[in-house]
Protein backbone atom coordinates (compact mmCIF):
# COMPACT_ATOMS: atom_id res chain seq x y z
CA MET A 1 26.36 11.40 24.15
CA ASN A 2 26.63 8.19 26.90
CA ASP A 3 23.78 6.51 25.26
CA GLN A 4 25.02 6.32 21.75
CA LYS A 5 28.87 5.26 23.06
CA SER A 6 27.03 2.47 25.22
CA SER A 7 25.22 1.54 22.08
CA PHE A 8 28.56 1.60 20.55
CA ARG A 9 29.99 -0.79 22.77
CA GLN A 10 27.15 -2.98 22.51
CA ILE A 11 28.21 -3.37 19.24
CA VAL A 12 31.24 -4.15 20.00
CA LYS A 13 31.27 -5.84 22.01
CA ALA A 14 29.00 -8.47 20.37
CA THR A 15 31.07 -8.38 17.47
CA SER A 16 34.36 -8.92 19.57
CA LEU A 17 32.07 -12.17 21.54
CA PHE A 18 31.03 -13.92 18.29
CA GLY A 19 34.39 -13.17 16.86
CA GLY A 20 36.60 -15.63 19.31
CA VAL A 21 34.31 -17.80 18.70
CA GLN A 22 35.14 -17.70 14.53
CA VAL A 23 38.88 -16.54 15.30
CA PHE A 24 38.18 -20.27 16.64
CA GLN A 25 36.07 -21.67 13.89
CA ILE A 26 38.79 -20.08 11.49
CA ILE A 27 41.84 -22.09 12.70
CA ILE A 28 39.75 -25.10 12.83
CA SER A 29 38.49 -24.13 8.80
CA ILE A 30 42.44 -23.78 7.99
CA VAL A 31 43.34 -27.22 9.12
CA ARG A 32 40.18 -29.12 7.93
CA ALA A 33 40.08 -27.49 5.01
CA LYS A 34 43.90 -27.47 4.23
CA ILE A 35 43.32 -31.42 4.98
CA ILE A 36 40.41 -31.66 2.45
CA ALA A 37 42.45 -29.74 -0.22
CA VAL A 38 45.39 -32.45 -0.35
CA LEU A 39 43.83 -35.68 0.64
CA LEU A 40 40.96 -35.12 -1.83
CA GLY A 41 41.97 -32.03 -4.33
CA PRO A 42 39.20 -29.47 -5.99
CA ALA A 43 37.28 -32.91 -7.24
CA GLY A 44 36.65 -33.82 -3.94
CA MET A 45 35.49 -30.73 -2.43
CA GLY A 46 33.44 -30.15 -5.39
CA ILE A 47 31.32 -33.38 -4.56
CA SER A 48 31.03 -32.55 -0.88
CA GLY A 49 29.91 -28.73 -2.05
CA LEU A 50 27.06 -30.01 -4.30
CA LEU A 51 26.52 -32.83 -1.66
CA THR A 52 26.08 -30.15 1.01
CA ALA A 53 24.03 -27.74 -1.48
CA THR A 54 21.44 -30.38 -2.36
CA THR A 55 20.35 -31.18 1.32
CA SER A 56 20.52 -27.72 2.22
CA LEU A 57 17.97 -26.75 -0.05
CA ILE A 58 15.73 -30.02 0.95
CA ALA A 59 16.66 -28.02 4.11
CA GLY A 60 15.40 -25.21 3.77
CA LEU A 61 12.21 -26.69 2.09
CA THR A 62 11.28 -28.26 4.77
CA GLY A 63 12.39 -26.72 7.88
CA LEU A 64 9.12 -23.76 7.74
CA GLY A 65 11.76 -21.40 8.86
CA LEU A 66 11.49 -22.30 12.26
CA GLY A 67 15.01 -21.62 12.96
CA THR A 68 14.62 -17.48 12.78
CA SER A 69 10.57 -17.60 13.54
CA ALA A 70 10.53 -19.65 16.72
CA ILE A 71 13.12 -17.00 18.36
CA LYS A 72 10.86 -14.43 18.64
CA ASN A 73 7.67 -16.64 20.10
CA ILE A 74 10.22 -18.36 23.03
CA SER A 75 11.87 -14.77 23.62
CA ALA A 76 8.32 -13.28 24.25
CA ALA A 77 7.15 -16.33 26.61
CA ASP A 78 10.81 -16.53 28.31
CA ALA A 79 10.44 -12.46 28.96
CA SER A 80 6.27 -13.11 30.65
CA GLY A 81 8.05 -14.83 33.33
CA ASP A 82 5.31 -17.52 33.12
CA GLU A 83 6.63 -20.68 33.27
CA SER A 84 3.72 -22.74 32.00
CA ARG A 85 3.72 -20.33 29.30
CA ILE A 86 7.25 -20.89 28.31
CA SER A 87 6.32 -24.71 28.75
CA THR A 88 3.91 -24.74 26.25
CA ILE A 89 5.39 -22.44 23.61
CA VAL A 90 9.09 -24.83 24.21
CA ALA A 91 7.05 -28.22 23.98
CA VAL A 92 5.29 -27.11 20.74
CA PHE A 93 7.94 -25.96 19.47
CA ARG A 94 10.01 -29.34 20.41
CA LYS A 95 6.91 -30.88 18.21
CA LEU A 96 7.71 -28.98 15.29
CA VAL A 97 10.86 -29.37 14.89
CA TRP A 98 10.56 -33.14 15.41
CA ILE A 99 8.00 -32.91 12.52
CA THR A 100 10.02 -30.82 10.23
CA GLY A 101 12.68 -33.26 10.61
CA LEU A 102 11.35 -36.07 9.66
CA LEU A 103 9.42 -35.04 7.02
CA GLY A 104 13.25 -33.61 5.36
CA ALA A 105 14.93 -37.01 6.14
CA ALA A 106 11.64 -38.81 4.30
CA VAL A 107 11.89 -36.41 1.27
CA THR A 108 15.76 -37.24 0.46
CA LEU A 109 14.84 -40.76 1.31
CA LEU A 110 12.05 -40.86 -1.14
CA LEU A 111 13.64 -38.60 -4.20
CA SER A 112 17.35 -40.10 -3.78
CA PRO A 113 17.81 -41.30 -7.56
CA TRP A 114 16.49 -38.43 -8.53
CA LEU A 115 18.56 -36.02 -6.89
CA SER A 116 21.30 -37.72 -8.22
CA GLU A 117 20.10 -37.49 -11.47
CA ILE A 118 19.70 -33.48 -11.05
CA THR A 119 23.13 -33.25 -9.40
CA PHE A 120 25.34 -34.76 -10.98
CA GLY A 121 24.09 -36.54 -13.89
CA ASN A 122 23.49 -39.31 -13.42
CA LYS A 123 22.22 -41.78 -10.60
CA ASN A 124 26.03 -43.02 -8.96
CA TYR A 125 25.31 -40.81 -5.76
CA THR A 126 21.80 -42.36 -5.13
CA LEU A 127 22.88 -44.48 -2.18
CA ALA A 128 25.26 -41.15 -0.86
CA PHE A 129 21.51 -39.08 -0.79
CA VAL A 130 19.80 -42.18 0.99
CA TRP A 131 22.44 -42.17 3.79
CA LEU A 132 22.50 -38.10 3.61
CA SER A 133 19.23 -38.75 4.29
CA VAL A 134 19.06 -38.86 8.65
CA THR A 135 21.66 -35.32 8.57
CA LEU A 136 18.02 -33.61 8.28
CA LEU A 137 16.70 -34.67 11.21
CA PHE A 138 19.94 -34.38 13.19
CA ASN A 139 20.29 -30.60 12.03
CA GLN A 140 16.96 -30.20 12.49
CA LEU A 141 17.06 -31.23 15.83
CA SER A 142 20.44 -29.55 16.52
CA ILE A 143 18.75 -25.72 15.11
CA GLY A 144 15.78 -27.07 17.93
CA GLN A 145 18.35 -26.90 20.66
CA SER A 146 20.63 -23.89 19.73
CA VAL A 147 17.31 -21.78 19.03
CA LEU A 148 16.52 -22.21 22.73
CA LEU A 149 20.06 -21.14 23.64
CA GLN A 150 19.81 -18.09 21.37
CA ALA A 151 16.07 -17.28 22.60
CA MET A 152 16.18 -17.39 26.48
CA ARG A 153 20.11 -15.49 25.70
CA LYS A 154 22.08 -18.36 26.49
CA ILE A 155 24.84 -16.73 24.01
CA GLN A 156 27.70 -18.55 26.17
CA PHE A 157 26.44 -22.34 26.19
CA LEU A 158 25.67 -21.59 22.16
CA ALA A 159 29.23 -20.74 21.76
CA LYS A 160 30.53 -23.50 23.39
CA ALA A 161 28.40 -26.14 21.35
CA SER A 162 30.09 -24.38 18.08
CA MET A 163 33.35 -24.44 19.02
CA ALA A 164 33.40 -27.84 20.88
CA GLY A 165 31.51 -28.94 17.12
CA SER A 166 34.25 -28.00 15.03
CA PHE A 167 36.94 -29.66 17.70
CA PHE A 168 35.74 -32.92 17.64
CA GLY A 169 34.35 -32.91 13.93
CA LEU A 170 37.80 -32.34 13.08
CA LEU A 171 39.34 -34.85 15.02
CA ILE A 172 36.80 -37.55 13.59
CA SER A 173 36.49 -36.46 9.73
CA ALA A 174 40.07 -36.28 9.25
CA PRO A 175 41.05 -39.83 10.02
CA LEU A 176 38.10 -41.15 7.25
CA TYR A 177 39.46 -38.46 4.83
CA TYR A 178 42.86 -39.65 5.25
CA TYR A 179 42.23 -43.54 4.86
CA TRP A 180 38.91 -43.31 2.37
CA ARG A 181 39.70 -40.01 0.32
CA ILE A 182 36.64 -39.25 -1.41
CA GLU A 183 34.45 -42.12 -0.30
CA ALA A 184 35.29 -40.64 3.45
CA ILE A 185 33.05 -37.61 2.15
CA VAL A 186 29.60 -39.50 3.33
CA PRO A 187 30.04 -40.74 6.67
CA ALA A 188 32.32 -37.66 7.85
CA LEU A 189 28.87 -35.72 7.02
CA ILE A 190 27.40 -37.72 9.02
CA LEU A 191 29.21 -38.47 11.75
CA SER A 192 29.61 -34.46 11.64
CA SER A 193 25.90 -34.02 12.20
CA ALA A 194 25.28 -36.23 14.61
CA LEU A 195 27.73 -34.76 17.12
CA GLY A 196 26.85 -31.35 16.49
CA LEU A 197 23.50 -32.57 17.63
CA PHE A 198 25.36 -33.98 20.82
CA LEU A 199 26.42 -31.03 21.75
CA GLU A 200 23.85 -28.47 20.87
CA TRP A 201 21.32 -31.26 23.07
CA TYR A 202 24.19 -31.11 25.91
CA TYR A 203 24.07 -27.56 26.40
CA GLY A 204 20.72 -27.17 25.48
CA ARG A 205 19.43 -29.71 28.29
CA ARG A 206 20.80 -27.37 30.86
CA ILE A 207 17.91 -24.45 30.17
CA PRO A 208 15.14 -25.25 33.44
CA VAL A 209 12.08 -26.05 30.74
CA LYS A 210 9.48 -28.18 32.54
CA LYS A 211 8.35 -30.65 30.21
CA ILE A 212 5.10 -31.15 29.20
CA ASP A 213 2.24 -32.71 26.51
CA VAL A 214 0.80 -31.00 24.37
CA SER A 215 -2.32 -31.46 22.89
CA PHE A 216 -2.51 -31.60 18.69
CA SER A 217 -4.82 -28.65 18.98
CA THR A 218 -2.32 -26.64 21.24
CA ILE A 219 0.17 -27.39 18.58
CA LEU A 220 -2.01 -25.71 16.11
CA ASP A 221 -2.83 -22.68 18.11
CA GLU A 222 0.35 -22.31 19.44
CA GLY A 223 2.68 -22.89 16.73
CA ARG A 224 0.62 -21.20 13.61
CA ASP A 225 2.10 -17.99 14.23
CA MET A 226 5.75 -19.79 13.72
CA VAL A 227 4.96 -21.70 10.80
CA GLN A 228 3.32 -18.44 9.35
CA MET A 229 6.54 -15.95 9.86
CA GLY A 230 8.73 -19.05 8.93
CA PHE A 231 6.72 -20.19 5.72
CA MET A 232 7.69 -16.59 4.20
CA LEU A 233 11.39 -16.55 5.66
CA THR A 234 11.75 -20.49 3.97
CA ILE A 235 10.68 -19.06 0.66
CA SER A 236 13.34 -16.50 1.19
CA GLY A 237 16.14 -18.53 2.17
CA LEU A 238 14.71 -21.13 -0.56
CA ILE A 239 15.24 -18.71 -3.38
CA THR A 240 18.58 -17.91 -1.98
CA THR A 241 19.74 -21.50 -1.87
CA ALA A 242 18.11 -22.32 -5.42
CA GLY A 243 20.27 -19.67 -6.53
CA SER A 244 23.45 -20.92 -4.86
CA TYR A 245 22.33 -24.59 -6.16
CA ILE A 246 21.80 -23.42 -9.97
CA VAL A 247 24.76 -21.70 -10.01
CA ARG A 248 26.88 -24.53 -8.88
CA ILE A 249 24.72 -26.91 -11.06
CA PHE A 250 25.76 -24.64 -13.92
CA LEU A 251 29.64 -24.80 -12.57
CA SER A 252 29.34 -28.18 -12.83
CA ALA A 253 28.17 -28.77 -16.29
CA GLU A 254 30.10 -26.17 -18.11
CA GLY A 255 34.06 -26.26 -15.97
CA GLY A 256 33.42 -29.54 -14.40
CA VAL A 257 33.26 -30.47 -10.51
CA ALA A 258 36.84 -29.19 -9.85
CA GLU A 259 35.36 -25.37 -11.17
CA VAL A 260 32.51 -25.86 -8.12
CA GLY A 261 35.29 -26.92 -5.78
CA LEU A 262 37.11 -23.78 -6.63
CA TYR A 263 34.19 -21.53 -6.43
CA ASN A 264 33.24 -23.57 -2.91
CA ALA A 265 36.72 -22.61 -1.48
CA GLY A 266 36.97 -19.02 -2.39
CA PHE A 267 33.80 -18.12 -0.76
CA ALA A 268 34.24 -19.75 2.23
CA ILE A 269 37.59 -18.26 2.67
CA ILE A 270 36.29 -14.72 2.31
CA ASN A 271 33.40 -15.64 4.35
CA THR A 272 35.28 -17.54 7.12
CA TYR A 273 37.16 -14.40 7.77
CA VAL A 274 34.35 -11.32 7.61
CA GLY A 275 31.60 -13.96 8.93
CA LEU A 276 32.05 -12.08 12.49
CA VAL A 277 30.55 -9.23 11.27
CA PHE A 278 27.12 -11.11 10.11
CA SER A 279 27.17 -13.35 12.66
CA ALA A 280 27.07 -10.55 15.80
CA MET A 281 24.47 -9.28 13.34
CA GLY A 282 22.20 -12.38 13.54
CA THR A 283 22.44 -12.43 17.19
CA ASP A 284 22.54 -9.36 18.62
CA TYR A 285 21.96 -6.66 16.62
CA TYR A 286 18.96 -7.91 14.67
CA PRO A 287 17.44 -8.60 18.74
CA ARG A 288 18.21 -4.96 19.43
CA LEU A 289 16.96 -3.43 16.39
CA SER A 290 13.75 -4.72 16.92
CA GLY A 291 13.34 -3.56 20.12
CA VAL A 292 13.72 0.14 18.90
CA SER A 293 11.54 -0.62 15.72
CA HIS A 294 8.71 1.36 16.45
CA ASP A 295 11.19 4.39 16.82
CA ASN A 296 12.23 5.01 13.09
CA GLY A 297 14.43 7.44 14.73
CA GLN A 298 15.92 5.04 17.08
CA ALA A 299 15.99 2.47 14.76
CA ASN A 300 17.90 5.13 12.04
CA ARG A 301 20.83 5.88 14.96
CA LEU A 302 21.08 1.93 15.06
CA ILE A 303 20.97 1.21 11.57
CA ASN A 304 23.92 4.04 10.91
CA GLN A 305 25.86 2.78 14.16
CA GLN A 306 25.40 -0.36 13.02
CA SER A 307 27.02 0.13 9.51
CA GLU A 308 29.92 2.00 10.86
CA VAL A 309 31.41 -0.33 13.26
CA SER A 310 31.44 -3.04 10.44
CA ILE A 311 33.07 -1.18 7.88
CA LEU A 312 35.39 -0.59 10.36
CA ILE A 313 36.35 -3.36 11.28
CA LEU A 314 35.81 -4.88 7.94
CA ALA A 315 38.38 -2.69 6.10
CA PRO A 316 41.18 -3.82 7.77
CA VAL A 317 41.17 -7.05 7.50
CA LEU A 318 39.63 -6.82 3.66
CA SER A 319 42.85 -4.46 2.94
CA VAL A 320 44.88 -8.02 4.13
CA PHE A 321 42.63 -9.72 2.14
CA PHE A 322 43.66 -7.82 -1.43
CA ILE A 323 47.25 -8.26 -0.96
CA PHE A 324 47.93 -11.14 1.09
CA ILE A 325 45.38 -13.69 -0.80
CA ASN A 326 48.01 -15.83 -2.58
CA TRP A 327 49.34 -16.82 0.85
CA VAL A 328 46.04 -17.08 2.45
CA VAL A 329 44.45 -19.40 -0.63
CA VAL A 330 47.96 -21.53 -0.46
CA LEU A 331 47.64 -21.66 3.43
CA MET A 332 44.14 -22.97 4.09
CA TYR A 333 44.33 -24.93 0.52
CA SER A 334 46.83 -25.44 -1.78
CA THR A 335 48.70 -24.48 -5.29
CA LYS A 336 45.83 -25.73 -6.98
CA PHE A 337 43.46 -23.35 -5.88
CA VAL A 338 45.17 -20.45 -6.72
CA PRO A 339 42.92 -19.55 -9.69
CA VAL A 340 40.46 -18.52 -7.09
CA ASN A 341 42.57 -15.49 -5.90
CA GLY A 342 41.06 -13.13 -8.69
CA MET A 343 37.68 -14.23 -7.85
CA ILE A 344 38.00 -13.24 -3.92
CA GLN A 345 39.72 -10.12 -4.89
CA TRP A 346 36.55 -8.89 -6.21
CA ALA A 347 34.39 -10.69 -4.25
CA ALA A 348 36.32 -8.58 -1.10
CA LEU A 349 35.05 -5.16 -2.75
CA GLY A 350 31.53 -6.57 -2.50
CA MET A 351 31.61 -6.75 1.65
CA TYR A 352 32.12 -3.36 1.75
CA PHE A 353 28.43 -2.85 0.11
CA LYS A 354 27.49 -6.46 1.58
CA ALA A 355 28.06 -5.54 5.28
CA VAL A 356 25.74 -2.06 5.29
CA SER A 357 23.16 -3.53 2.91
CA TRP A 358 22.45 -6.45 5.56
CA SER A 359 22.74 -3.20 8.25
CA ILE A 360 19.87 -1.87 7.00
CA ALA A 361 17.66 -4.91 5.62
CA PHE A 362 17.05 -6.34 9.31
CA ILE A 363 15.07 -2.92 9.86
CA LEU A 364 12.48 -5.36 7.15
CA LEU A 365 12.68 -8.32 9.49
CA ALA A 366 12.37 -6.07 13.05
CA LYS A 367 9.22 -4.15 12.33
CA GLY A 368 7.28 -7.63 10.95
CA GLU A 369 7.25 -6.95 7.05
CA SER A 370 7.89 -10.58 6.39
CA LYS A 371 6.39 -10.08 3.10
CA LEU A 372 7.73 -7.03 1.76
CA PHE A 373 11.40 -8.74 2.96
CA PHE A 374 10.56 -11.77 1.25
CA TRP A 375 9.45 -9.76 -2.64
CA ASN A 376 12.61 -7.40 -1.70
CA GLU A 377 15.22 -10.79 -1.30
CA LEU A 378 13.07 -12.48 -4.56
CA LEU A 379 14.07 -9.52 -6.51
CA ALA A 380 18.17 -9.67 -5.35
CA ASN A 381 18.01 -13.37 -6.03
CA VAL A 382 16.70 -12.56 -9.40
CA TYR A 383 19.38 -9.98 -10.45
CA VAL A 384 22.46 -11.85 -8.58
CA LEU A 385 21.80 -14.91 -10.32
CA LEU A 386 21.10 -13.98 -13.53
CA PHE A 387 24.91 -11.50 -12.58
CA ASN A 388 26.82 -14.94 -11.60
CA LEU A 389 25.49 -16.90 -14.37
CA LEU A 390 26.82 -13.88 -17.63
CA GLY A 391 30.39 -13.29 -15.47
CA TYR A 392 31.19 -16.75 -15.22
CA LYS A 393 30.37 -17.37 -18.82
CA LEU A 394 32.11 -14.38 -20.01
CA ALA A 395 34.87 -13.72 -17.33
CA GLY A 396 35.22 -17.50 -15.70
CA LEU A 397 35.79 -17.59 -11.95
CA ASP A 398 36.99 -13.61 -11.70
CA GLY A 399 33.07 -13.09 -13.43
CA LEU A 400 31.48 -14.47 -10.07
CA GLY A 401 34.21 -12.26 -8.28
CA VAL A 402 32.80 -9.56 -10.34
CA SER A 403 29.42 -10.52 -9.97
CA PHE A 404 29.18 -10.40 -6.65
CA LEU A 405 30.43 -6.84 -6.48
CA LEU A 406 27.60 -5.65 -8.92
CA GLY A 407 24.98 -7.59 -7.29
CA TYR A 408 25.67 -6.33 -3.58
CA ALA A 409 26.11 -2.68 -4.57
CA VAL A 410 23.51 -2.90 -6.31
CA TYR A 411 21.31 -4.04 -2.88
CA LEU A 412 22.54 -1.62 -1.23
CA ILE A 413 21.19 0.98 -3.38
CA GLN A 414 17.79 -1.25 -3.34
CA VAL A 415 17.39 -1.38 0.57
CA TYR A 416 18.70 1.87 1.50
CA LEU A 417 15.73 3.17 -1.06
CA LEU A 418 13.29 1.00 0.48
CA ALA A 419 14.07 2.05 3.70
CA ARG A 420 14.23 5.64 2.66
CA ILE A 421 10.61 5.22 1.41
CA LYS A 422 8.98 3.35 4.29
CA TYR A 423 10.94 4.16 6.77
CA ASN A 424 12.63 7.87 6.39
CA PHE A 425 15.90 6.46 7.18
CA SER A 426 18.77 7.97 6.06
CA PHE A 427 22.66 7.71 6.36
CA ASP A 428 24.58 10.30 8.47
CA PHE A 429 27.64 12.23 7.38
CA GLY A 430 29.63 10.36 9.56
CA PHE A 431 28.81 6.78 7.78
CA TYR A 432 29.43 8.51 4.30
CA LYS A 433 33.16 9.74 5.75
CA ILE A 434 34.32 6.30 6.84
CA PHE A 435 32.54 4.80 4.24
CA VAL A 436 34.25 6.38 1.28
CA ILE A 437 37.58 6.29 2.76
CA GLN A 438 38.29 2.83 4.04
CA PHE A 439 36.50 1.64 1.11
CA LEU A 440 39.27 4.13 -1.47
CA ILE A 441 41.70 2.55 1.04
CA GLY A 442 40.75 -0.90 -0.27
CA LEU A 443 40.22 0.09 -4.01
CA LEU A 444 43.77 1.50 -3.85
CA CYS A 445 44.89 -1.85 -2.39
CA PHE A 446 43.21 -3.87 -4.77
CA ILE A 447 44.78 -2.39 -7.58
CA ALA A 448 48.17 -2.28 -6.01
CA ILE A 449 48.67 -5.97 -5.69
CA ARG A 450 47.11 -6.60 -9.72
CA MET A 451 48.65 -3.70 -11.11
CA LEU A 452 52.77 -3.43 -9.22
CA ALA A 453 55.24 -6.11 -9.11
CA VAL A 454 55.55 -8.22 -6.12
CA PRO A 455 57.99 -6.14 -4.34
CA TRP A 456 56.28 -3.03 -4.98
CA ALA A 457 52.83 -4.22 -4.34
CA TYR A 458 53.84 -5.82 -0.98
CA THR A 459 55.19 -2.45 -0.01
CA ALA A 460 51.95 -0.04 -0.59
CA GLY A 461 50.17 -2.32 0.40
CA LEU A 462 51.46 -3.18 4.13
CA LEU A 463 51.45 1.67 4.15
CA LEU A 464 48.00 1.00 3.39
CA ILE A 465 46.77 -1.74 4.91
CA ALA A 466 48.11 0.06 8.09
CA LEU A 467 46.30 3.39 7.42
CA SER A 468 43.12 1.54 7.09
CA SER A 469 43.84 -0.30 10.83
CA ILE A 470 44.80 3.47 12.12
CA TYR A 471 42.02 5.27 10.56
CA SER A 472 39.58 2.10 12.37
CA TYR A 473 41.14 2.74 15.38
CA ARG A 474 41.17 6.22 15.54
CA GLU A 475 37.19 6.82 14.21
CA MET A 476 36.09 4.24 17.17
CA ASP A 477 38.17 5.74 19.62
CA LYS A 478 36.26 8.74 18.90
CA ARG A 479 32.94 6.76 19.60
CA MET A 480 33.43 4.42 22.57
CA ASP A 481 36.94 5.28 24.43
CA LEU A 482 38.59 2.55 23.26
CA MET A 483 40.99 1.95 25.57
CA GLN A 484 38.91 2.32 28.65
CA LEU A 485 36.40 -0.59 26.90
CA ILE A 486 39.17 -3.21 26.07
CA THR A 487 40.66 -2.11 30.31
CA ASP A 488 37.39 -2.98 31.39
CA MET A 489 37.21 -6.39 28.99
CA LYS A 490 40.47 -7.39 30.01
CA SER A 491 39.41 -6.78 33.82
CA ARG A 492 36.43 -9.07 34.24
CA PHE A 493 37.80 -11.35 31.73
CA ILE A 494 40.69 -12.19 34.42
CA LYS A 495 38.19 -12.10 37.04
CA LYS A 496 36.41 -15.04 35.23
């Protein structure tokens, strides 16, 4: 029982740590998004989104998945305590980061006219892609530093670099947008990328790793495992990025760049506010699941625990989204972005399924099933893309929200059956109870704000939000003695 309570507490602590960073970034994102929305409008956000999506597609192709695959190798070397081994692996990794970063920059530079033609239907943005090519090198080098921080458990440094990057990035980009409006998009992206690299380097240099020279043969021998695993992850990530890219191109062709801006803004809102749970999954839950992946019973318990905590934390936040989304959109952007309200509400329903499906899907990576993970993601991306295109064609932006809900509902069934067959996974009764109750509360919030008049909708919504919050608190208190956990965390914070 104590082990179970400790495990629940570890999940909540990790979520709280990264949630604190997320809250800070949310505040910065609100200010930045408000500035961009007012100064650039939906069209400006659409151009920025298309430029970013295109460079992200190339980065995903040329980066070879080192941001994920290398963590395992560096962590293993660090755990061994062998200084020579650590230095060798880190040196090889840094060489690979430079190679992949330069490759991404070169590809963007050489294909800039073609990228402009494909993305915008003309060559007017060729020079923009030429300048943005340098961001692929900066971003890859930045990833290299962040991987070292994460693999060697320097999470606090990683959090500080992220927070500082968000804050100073806003200070740099805001004046540019004010004076040059849309013309400032490319300079702002470049300066933000360079700033991120500087901050990651500043904190990364504190890691005491001896610098050594490695031969080409050593790079091939030690880097092969990183590249092989990373390649499968790269292809999977590339498919996801490509699907998102196709959706944006489709929206641009059917509704114009303003529609792309609305689409980006809508999902930016919901991903920003609920991102703390998914951030914790990638930084704490995944390594913990990897540690017990050899034992299906322990993995089963950990997946159930993560699923329960994810729903208990997310549900009250999502309930607020349903009821007050209009205020959130106007606060973060402007009244021009109100058309995304329906899309966000539908997508918020999908977040219940996303949180649980992600909890299960990590088992494939934890067990090293990179090929199975690839085919699983490929299938999911195919039907999600079809849902998106069909949803927008039939119902516009609201249809994209419906497709998000439908896509993750199907994906949850898919990964559950896969884990059930391969690893004998099953959900506990406690999870089913939590999921059904919180999802029904969320569904009632969704119905209330869409069906009732405003005064009654807010009254009913506030009651439902309170109900969701109280239920989450009580269930979490049963599992981990929540008040004692809060007291302990408060004491440690005061001492620090």
